Structure formats: structure tokens, C-alpha cells
Amino acid sequence: MPPRWLAAVFFVGYLAAATVPKGGILFARFPIFFPDLTPDVLAMPAFLVDGRPASVRRCRDFVGIPASAVVRSVPDMDAWHRFMEQRQWIAAHQAAPGSAPGPARCQVGFWIVSRDASGRPEGRFQASAEGTARCR
């Protein structure tokens, strides 16, 4: 039987070899075990009222924004469920046919955040649809 101090040396050596590479993930050599945590492009659903971010739930009686305009057009987006929530809310709260447009100008779309040439993040809003609504 080997001495106990030898087991302690092997244990410390194992921990050093396992945690040094790949940012502390034990023996991670494959992308599935070590995902890229800093993607090049991020997209988040957005809703603007008079040019300012707002919750879609503040508004009713949408005119000019059909629910089908709320699209998930960026494939690598983790917040797809927020698009679905916006779509369902807008579909359930459309204005009656022939009713007057609401006073608030609304835009639905998404924020796209990417890196510029120097590596700093930059964001821009891309609208999918514009219309009006009555907002609180």
C-alpha cells in the first residue's frame, strides 16, 4: 500500500491539472462542455412607445401592428419566449376594425448588440412593425 502522502501529492496534482485549462472546468476539451459565453451578436426583443422602451402590457387597441409582425428573425437568441409573449399580447389586444388610431406611436422589434472593430459593444434597434396604441 502506498504511503498517504503520495495519495495527497497525486490529489493536488490532479486538481492542478484539472482546473488550470479552460477556465476551471474539469478536463473540458469539447465545445459542448465549454460553451462560448461571449457571442458576437446578441438580440433581445424590444417594444418602444414614443421612442422609449416600455412593456407591451401597458398598451391596448393596437392599430397597424399585426401579431404576425412580431417575428424572431435572429436565429441565436435565447429569449424567444419574450417574442411569443409579445405576439400573444398584441394578438389579444387588437383594436376593433374601423376604430381610430391610439395616441401613442409604438414599435416592436429587437435590440441587436454586437462588437465594433475595437471589441466594444454597440447596440441598435431594428423595428419589425410600427403602429399606434392606447397606452397607460
N, C-alpha and C. Protein backbone atom coordinates (compact mmCIF):
# COMPACT_ATOMS: atom_id res chain seq x y z
N MET A 1 0.85 -1.16 0.00
CA MET A 1 0.00 0.00 0.00
C MET A 1 0.91 1.24 0.00
N PRO A 2 0.62 2.21 -0.93
CA PRO A 2 1.45 3.41 -0.98
C PRO A 2 1.22 4.30 0.24
N PRO A 3 2.19 5.08 0.58
CA PRO A 3 2.02 5.96 1.74
C PRO A 3 0.95 7.02 1.47
N ARG A 4 0.35 7.53 2.54
CA ARG A 4 -0.73 8.52 2.41
C ARG A 4 -0.24 9.82 1.80
N TRP A 5 0.97 10.22 2.06
CA TRP A 5 1.47 11.47 1.49
C TRP A 5 1.52 11.41 -0.02
N LEU A 6 1.75 10.19 -0.58
CA LEU A 6 1.78 10.04 -2.03
C LEU A 6 0.38 10.25 -2.62
N ALA A 7 -0.64 9.78 -1.92
CA ALA A 7 -2.02 9.99 -2.37
C ALA A 7 -2.35 11.49 -2.35
N ALA A 8 -1.90 12.21 -1.33
CA ALA A 8 -2.14 13.65 -1.25
C ALA A 8 -1.44 14.38 -2.39
N VAL A 9 -0.23 13.97 -2.74
CA VAL A 9 0.50 14.59 -3.84
C VAL A 9 -0.24 14.36 -5.16
N PHE A 10 -0.70 13.15 -5.39
CA PHE A 10 -1.44 12.86 -6.62
C PHE A 10 -2.76 13.64 -6.67
N PHE A 11 -3.42 13.78 -5.53
CA PHE A 11 -4.68 14.52 -5.49
C PHE A 11 -4.46 16.00 -5.82
N VAL A 12 -3.44 16.61 -5.26
CA VAL A 12 -3.13 18.01 -5.55
C VAL A 12 -2.73 18.15 -7.02
N GLY A 13 -1.97 17.21 -7.54
CA GLY A 13 -1.60 17.23 -8.96
C GLY A 13 -2.81 17.10 -9.87
N TYR A 14 -3.74 16.25 -9.51
CA TYR A 14 -4.97 16.09 -10.29
C TYR A 14 -5.76 17.40 -10.31
N LEU A 15 -5.94 18.02 -9.15
CA LEU A 15 -6.68 19.28 -9.09
C LEU A 15 -6.01 20.37 -9.92
N ALA A 16 -4.68 20.43 -9.87
CA ALA A 16 -3.97 21.45 -10.66
C ALA A 16 -4.15 21.19 -12.15
N ALA A 17 -4.04 19.95 -12.56
CA ALA A 17 -4.18 19.62 -13.99
C ALA A 17 -5.62 19.78 -14.47
N ALA A 18 -6.58 19.58 -13.58
CA ALA A 18 -7.98 19.64 -13.99
C ALA A 18 -8.53 21.06 -14.05
N THR A 19 -8.03 21.95 -13.20
CA THR A 19 -8.63 23.27 -13.12
C THR A 19 -7.89 24.36 -13.87
N VAL A 20 -6.66 24.18 -14.19
CA VAL A 20 -5.90 25.23 -14.89
C VAL A 20 -6.40 25.46 -16.30
N PRO A 21 -6.56 24.45 -17.14
CA PRO A 21 -7.02 24.73 -18.51
C PRO A 21 -8.52 25.02 -18.56
N LYS A 22 -8.92 25.77 -19.56
CA LYS A 22 -10.33 26.05 -19.87
C LYS A 22 -11.08 26.72 -18.74
N GLY A 23 -10.45 27.61 -18.03
CA GLY A 23 -11.16 28.44 -17.08
C GLY A 23 -11.75 27.71 -15.90
N GLY A 24 -11.19 26.60 -15.49
CA GLY A 24 -11.64 25.94 -14.29
C GLY A 24 -12.63 24.82 -14.49
N ILE A 25 -13.00 24.51 -15.71
CA ILE A 25 -13.92 23.40 -15.96
C ILE A 25 -13.09 22.13 -16.12
N LEU A 26 -13.39 21.15 -15.33
CA LEU A 26 -12.57 19.94 -15.28
C LEU A 26 -12.45 19.26 -16.64
N PHE A 27 -11.26 19.20 -17.16
CA PHE A 27 -10.92 18.49 -18.39
C PHE A 27 -11.87 18.79 -19.55
N ALA A 28 -12.32 20.02 -19.66
CA ALA A 28 -13.23 20.39 -20.75
C ALA A 28 -12.43 20.57 -22.03
N ARG A 29 -12.66 19.73 -22.99
CA ARG A 29 -11.97 19.80 -24.27
C ARG A 29 -12.93 19.97 -25.44
N PHE A 30 -14.22 19.76 -25.21
CA PHE A 30 -15.19 19.80 -26.28
C PHE A 30 -16.11 21.00 -26.09
N PRO A 31 -16.56 21.63 -27.17
CA PRO A 31 -17.40 22.83 -27.04
C PRO A 31 -18.69 22.60 -26.26
N ILE A 32 -19.20 21.39 -26.28
CA ILE A 32 -20.45 21.14 -25.55
C ILE A 32 -20.26 21.32 -24.05
N PHE A 33 -19.03 21.08 -23.57
CA PHE A 33 -18.76 21.24 -22.15
C PHE A 33 -18.22 22.62 -21.80
N PHE A 34 -17.84 23.39 -22.81
CA PHE A 34 -17.28 24.71 -22.57
C PHE A 34 -17.84 25.67 -23.60
N PRO A 35 -19.08 26.14 -23.42
CA PRO A 35 -19.71 26.99 -24.43
C PRO A 35 -19.05 28.36 -24.49
N ASP A 36 -19.19 29.01 -25.63
CA ASP A 36 -18.71 30.37 -25.80
C ASP A 36 -19.67 31.30 -25.06
N LEU A 37 -19.18 31.92 -24.01
CA LEU A 37 -20.05 32.77 -23.20
C LEU A 37 -20.09 34.21 -23.70
N THR A 38 -19.36 34.51 -24.75
CA THR A 38 -19.36 35.87 -25.30
C THR A 38 -19.63 35.79 -26.80
N PRO A 39 -20.88 35.60 -27.19
CA PRO A 39 -21.19 35.52 -28.62
C PRO A 39 -20.95 36.86 -29.31
N ASP A 40 -20.80 36.81 -30.62
CA ASP A 40 -20.52 38.02 -31.39
C ASP A 40 -21.75 38.90 -31.54
N VAL A 41 -22.93 38.30 -31.61
CA VAL A 41 -24.16 39.08 -31.79
C VAL A 41 -25.21 38.58 -30.80
N LEU A 42 -25.83 39.51 -30.09
CA LEU A 42 -26.93 39.20 -29.19
C LEU A 42 -28.16 39.94 -29.66
N ALA A 43 -29.33 39.36 -29.47
CA ALA A 43 -30.58 40.03 -29.83
C ALA A 43 -31.58 39.82 -28.71
N MET A 44 -32.28 40.91 -28.37
CA MET A 44 -33.31 40.85 -27.35
C MET A 44 -34.57 41.52 -27.90
N PRO A 45 -35.73 40.94 -27.66
CA PRO A 45 -36.96 41.57 -28.13
C PRO A 45 -37.16 42.92 -27.43
N ALA A 46 -37.75 43.84 -28.17
CA ALA A 46 -37.95 45.19 -27.63
C ALA A 46 -39.29 45.74 -28.08
N PHE A 47 -39.84 46.61 -27.26
CA PHE A 47 -41.08 47.29 -27.58
C PHE A 47 -40.89 48.75 -27.17
N LEU A 48 -41.12 49.67 -28.09
CA LEU A 48 -40.92 51.08 -27.83
C LEU A 48 -42.25 51.82 -27.92
N VAL A 49 -42.48 52.73 -27.00
CA VAL A 49 -43.63 53.62 -27.03
C VAL A 49 -43.08 55.04 -27.12
N ASP A 50 -43.42 55.73 -28.20
CA ASP A 50 -42.91 57.08 -28.46
C ASP A 50 -41.39 57.13 -28.35
N GLY A 51 -40.73 56.10 -28.87
CA GLY A 51 -39.28 56.06 -28.92
C GLY A 51 -38.57 55.61 -27.66
N ARG A 52 -39.32 55.23 -26.63
CA ARG A 52 -38.71 54.80 -25.36
C ARG A 52 -39.11 53.36 -25.06
N PRO A 53 -38.18 52.58 -24.49
CA PRO A 53 -38.52 51.20 -24.13
C PRO A 53 -39.66 51.16 -23.12
N ALA A 54 -40.58 50.22 -23.34
CA ALA A 54 -41.74 50.07 -22.45
C ALA A 54 -42.21 48.62 -22.50
N SER A 55 -43.06 48.27 -21.58
CA SER A 55 -43.67 46.95 -21.57
C SER A 55 -44.86 46.94 -22.53
N VAL A 56 -44.95 45.88 -23.32
CA VAL A 56 -46.07 45.76 -24.26
C VAL A 56 -47.39 45.67 -23.51
N ARG A 57 -47.35 45.24 -22.26
CA ARG A 57 -48.57 45.08 -21.46
C ARG A 57 -49.17 46.42 -21.03
N ARG A 58 -48.46 47.51 -21.25
CA ARG A 58 -49.02 48.84 -20.95
C ARG A 58 -49.99 49.30 -22.01
N CYS A 59 -50.00 48.64 -23.16
CA CYS A 59 -50.77 49.14 -24.31
C CYS A 59 -51.88 48.18 -24.71
N ARG A 60 -52.92 48.78 -25.30
CA ARG A 60 -54.07 48.04 -25.83
C ARG A 60 -54.52 48.72 -27.12
N ASP A 61 -55.44 48.11 -27.80
CA ASP A 61 -56.03 48.67 -29.02
C ASP A 61 -54.97 48.99 -30.08
N PHE A 62 -54.19 47.98 -30.43
CA PHE A 62 -53.13 48.15 -31.42
C PHE A 62 -53.72 48.34 -32.82
N VAL A 63 -53.20 49.32 -33.54
CA VAL A 63 -53.57 49.58 -34.93
C VAL A 63 -52.27 49.62 -35.73
N GLY A 64 -52.18 48.82 -36.78
CA GLY A 64 -51.01 48.83 -37.63
C GLY A 64 -49.91 47.87 -37.22
N ILE A 65 -50.08 47.19 -36.11
CA ILE A 65 -49.10 46.19 -35.68
C ILE A 65 -49.81 44.85 -35.60
N PRO A 66 -49.77 44.06 -36.65
CA PRO A 66 -50.38 42.73 -36.55
C PRO A 66 -49.48 41.81 -35.74
N ALA A 67 -50.08 40.84 -35.10
CA ALA A 67 -49.30 39.90 -34.30
C ALA A 67 -48.28 39.16 -35.15
N SER A 68 -48.58 38.96 -36.43
CA SER A 68 -47.64 38.25 -37.31
C SER A 68 -46.36 39.04 -37.56
N ALA A 69 -46.36 40.35 -37.23
CA ALA A 69 -45.16 41.17 -37.42
C ALA A 69 -44.14 40.93 -36.32
N VAL A 70 -44.55 40.31 -35.23
CA VAL A 70 -43.62 40.01 -34.15
C VAL A 70 -42.91 38.72 -34.52
N VAL A 71 -41.73 38.86 -35.08
CA VAL A 71 -41.01 37.70 -35.59
C VAL A 71 -39.68 37.55 -34.87
N ARG A 72 -39.24 36.34 -34.82
CA ARG A 72 -37.92 36.03 -34.27
C ARG A 72 -37.01 35.86 -35.47
N SER A 73 -36.35 36.93 -35.87
CA SER A 73 -35.56 36.87 -37.09
C SER A 73 -34.07 36.71 -36.84
N VAL A 74 -33.66 36.63 -35.60
CA VAL A 74 -32.26 36.38 -35.28
C VAL A 74 -32.17 34.97 -34.74
N PRO A 75 -31.47 34.07 -35.41
CA PRO A 75 -31.51 32.66 -35.00
C PRO A 75 -30.89 32.38 -33.64
N ASP A 76 -29.81 33.05 -33.27
CA ASP A 76 -29.14 32.77 -32.00
C ASP A 76 -29.65 33.69 -30.91
N MET A 77 -30.89 33.51 -30.53
CA MET A 77 -31.47 34.35 -29.50
C MET A 77 -32.09 33.47 -28.43
N ASP A 78 -31.67 33.67 -27.20
CA ASP A 78 -32.15 32.83 -26.11
C ASP A 78 -33.50 33.26 -25.56
N ALA A 79 -33.92 34.48 -25.83
CA ALA A 79 -35.16 34.99 -25.24
C ALA A 79 -36.33 34.89 -26.21
N TRP A 80 -36.43 33.80 -26.95
CA TRP A 80 -37.51 33.64 -27.92
C TRP A 80 -38.87 33.66 -27.25
N HIS A 81 -38.95 33.23 -26.00
CA HIS A 81 -40.24 33.22 -25.30
C HIS A 81 -40.80 34.63 -25.13
N ARG A 82 -39.93 35.64 -25.06
CA ARG A 82 -40.42 37.02 -24.94
C ARG A 82 -41.09 37.46 -26.24
N PHE A 83 -40.59 36.99 -27.38
CA PHE A 83 -41.27 37.27 -28.64
C PHE A 83 -42.66 36.66 -28.63
N MET A 84 -42.75 35.44 -28.14
CA MET A 84 -44.05 34.77 -28.11
C MET A 84 -45.02 35.52 -27.18
N GLU A 85 -44.54 36.01 -26.04
CA GLU A 85 -45.39 36.77 -25.13
C GLU A 85 -45.88 38.05 -25.80
N GLN A 86 -44.99 38.76 -26.50
CA GLN A 86 -45.40 39.96 -27.20
C GLN A 86 -46.42 39.65 -28.27
N ARG A 87 -46.19 38.60 -29.02
CA ARG A 87 -47.11 38.22 -30.10
C ARG A 87 -48.49 37.91 -29.54
N GLN A 88 -48.54 37.14 -28.45
CA GLN A 88 -49.83 36.77 -27.87
C GLN A 88 -50.56 38.00 -27.32
N TRP A 89 -49.84 38.91 -26.68
CA TRP A 89 -50.47 40.11 -26.13
C TRP A 89 -51.04 40.99 -27.24
N ILE A 90 -50.24 41.21 -28.29
CA ILE A 90 -50.70 42.06 -29.39
C ILE A 90 -51.89 41.42 -30.10
N ALA A 91 -51.87 40.11 -30.28
CA ALA A 91 -52.99 39.43 -30.94
C ALA A 91 -54.26 39.55 -30.11
N ALA A 92 -54.14 39.47 -28.79
CA ALA A 92 -55.32 39.51 -27.92
C ALA A 92 -55.85 40.93 -27.71
N HIS A 93 -55.06 41.96 -28.03
CA HIS A 93 -55.46 43.33 -27.75
C HIS A 93 -55.45 44.21 -28.99
N GLN A 94 -55.88 43.68 -30.11
CA GLN A 94 -56.01 44.47 -31.34
C GLN A 94 -57.22 45.39 -31.21
N ALA A 95 -57.14 46.53 -31.87
CA ALA A 95 -58.27 47.46 -31.88
C ALA A 95 -59.40 46.89 -32.73
N ALA A 96 -60.59 47.30 -32.43
CA ALA A 96 -61.75 46.87 -33.23
C ALA A 96 -61.61 47.43 -34.64
N PRO A 97 -62.06 46.68 -35.65
CA PRO A 97 -61.95 47.18 -37.02
C PRO A 97 -62.66 48.52 -37.18
N GLY A 98 -61.98 49.45 -37.84
CA GLY A 98 -62.54 50.76 -38.09
C GLY A 98 -62.38 51.76 -36.96
N SER A 99 -61.77 51.35 -35.85
CA SER A 99 -61.59 52.29 -34.74
C SER A 99 -60.43 53.24 -35.02
N ALA A 100 -60.45 54.38 -34.36
CA ALA A 100 -59.42 55.41 -34.57
C ALA A 100 -58.09 54.95 -33.97
N PRO A 101 -56.98 55.37 -34.58
CA PRO A 101 -55.68 55.01 -34.02
C PRO A 101 -55.47 55.63 -32.64
N GLY A 102 -54.70 54.95 -31.82
CA GLY A 102 -54.41 55.47 -30.49
C GLY A 102 -53.39 56.60 -30.54
N PRO A 103 -53.21 57.30 -29.43
CA PRO A 103 -52.31 58.46 -29.42
C PRO A 103 -50.83 58.11 -29.35
N ALA A 104 -50.49 56.91 -28.92
CA ALA A 104 -49.08 56.56 -28.74
C ALA A 104 -48.52 55.84 -29.97
N ARG A 105 -47.34 56.27 -30.40
CA ARG A 105 -46.65 55.60 -31.52
C ARG A 105 -45.86 54.43 -30.95
N CYS A 106 -46.09 53.24 -31.47
CA CYS A 106 -45.46 52.03 -30.95
C CYS A 106 -44.60 51.36 -32.02
N GLN A 107 -43.51 50.77 -31.58
CA GLN A 107 -42.65 49.98 -32.46
C GLN A 107 -42.34 48.67 -31.76
N VAL A 108 -42.39 47.60 -32.51
CA VAL A 108 -42.00 46.30 -31.99
C VAL A 108 -40.83 45.82 -32.84
N GLY A 109 -39.85 45.21 -32.19
CA GLY A 109 -38.67 44.73 -32.90
C GLY A 109 -37.69 44.13 -31.91
N PHE A 110 -36.40 44.37 -32.13
CA PHE A 110 -35.40 43.84 -31.21
C PHE A 110 -34.16 44.71 -31.22
N TRP A 111 -33.45 44.65 -30.07
CA TRP A 111 -32.16 45.30 -29.93
C TRP A 111 -31.12 44.31 -30.40
N ILE A 112 -30.22 44.75 -31.24
CA ILE A 112 -29.10 43.91 -31.68
C ILE A 112 -27.83 44.52 -31.09
N VAL A 113 -27.12 43.72 -30.32
CA VAL A 113 -25.87 44.17 -29.71
C VAL A 113 -24.75 43.35 -30.33
N SER A 114 -23.77 44.05 -30.88
CA SER A 114 -22.62 43.39 -31.49
C SER A 114 -21.36 44.11 -31.06
N ARG A 115 -20.23 43.61 -31.49
CA ARG A 115 -18.95 44.23 -31.15
C ARG A 115 -18.45 45.05 -32.33
N ASP A 116 -17.91 46.23 -32.03
CA ASP A 116 -17.33 47.03 -33.10
C ASP A 116 -15.90 46.54 -33.35
N ALA A 117 -15.16 47.24 -34.20
CA ALA A 117 -13.81 46.81 -34.58
C ALA A 117 -12.86 46.75 -33.38
N SER A 118 -13.10 47.60 -32.39
CA SER A 118 -12.21 47.61 -31.22
C SER A 118 -12.64 46.60 -30.15
N GLY A 119 -13.76 45.90 -30.37
CA GLY A 119 -14.24 44.90 -29.42
C GLY A 119 -15.24 45.42 -28.42
N ARG A 120 -15.58 46.71 -28.49
CA ARG A 120 -16.57 47.27 -27.57
C ARG A 120 -17.98 46.99 -28.08
N PRO A 121 -18.94 46.80 -27.16
CA PRO A 121 -20.31 46.53 -27.61
C PRO A 121 -20.99 47.77 -28.17
N GLU A 122 -21.79 47.57 -29.20
CA GLU A 122 -22.61 48.64 -29.76
C GLU A 122 -23.98 48.06 -30.04
N GLY A 123 -25.02 48.86 -29.80
CA GLY A 123 -26.38 48.36 -29.97
C GLY A 123 -27.18 49.21 -30.93
N ARG A 124 -28.16 48.57 -31.55
CA ARG A 124 -29.07 49.29 -32.44
C ARG A 124 -30.43 48.61 -32.38
N PHE A 125 -31.46 49.41 -32.59
CA PHE A 125 -32.82 48.89 -32.59
C PHE A 125 -33.25 48.62 -34.02
N GLN A 126 -33.83 47.46 -34.24
CA GLN A 126 -34.36 47.11 -35.57
C GLN A 126 -35.85 46.85 -35.42
N ALA A 127 -36.65 47.68 -36.05
CA ALA A 127 -38.10 47.57 -35.95
C ALA A 127 -38.64 46.52 -36.90
N SER A 128 -39.59 45.73 -36.42
CA SER A 128 -40.32 44.76 -37.26
C SER A 128 -41.63 45.36 -37.73
N ALA A 129 -42.24 46.21 -36.90
CA ALA A 129 -43.51 46.84 -37.27
C ALA A 129 -43.70 48.11 -36.45
N GLU A 130 -44.48 49.04 -37.02
CA GLU A 130 -44.82 50.29 -36.34
C GLU A 130 -46.32 50.50 -36.43
N GLY A 131 -46.86 51.13 -35.42
CA GLY A 131 -48.29 51.43 -35.42
C GLY A 131 -48.63 52.31 -34.24
N THR A 132 -49.87 52.27 -33.84
CA THR A 132 -50.31 53.08 -32.70
C THR A 132 -51.08 52.20 -31.72
N ALA A 133 -51.25 52.73 -30.51
CA ALA A 133 -52.00 52.03 -29.47
C ALA A 133 -52.40 53.02 -28.41
N ARG A 134 -53.23 52.57 -27.51
CA ARG A 134 -53.59 53.35 -26.34
C ARG A 134 -52.83 52.76 -25.17
N CYS A 135 -51.96 53.58 -24.58
CA CYS A 135 -51.07 53.10 -23.52
C CYS A 135 -51.33 53.83 -22.21
N ARG A 136 -51.08 53.14 -21.14
CA ARG A 136 -51.19 53.72 -19.79
C ARG A 136 -49.92 54.45 -19.44
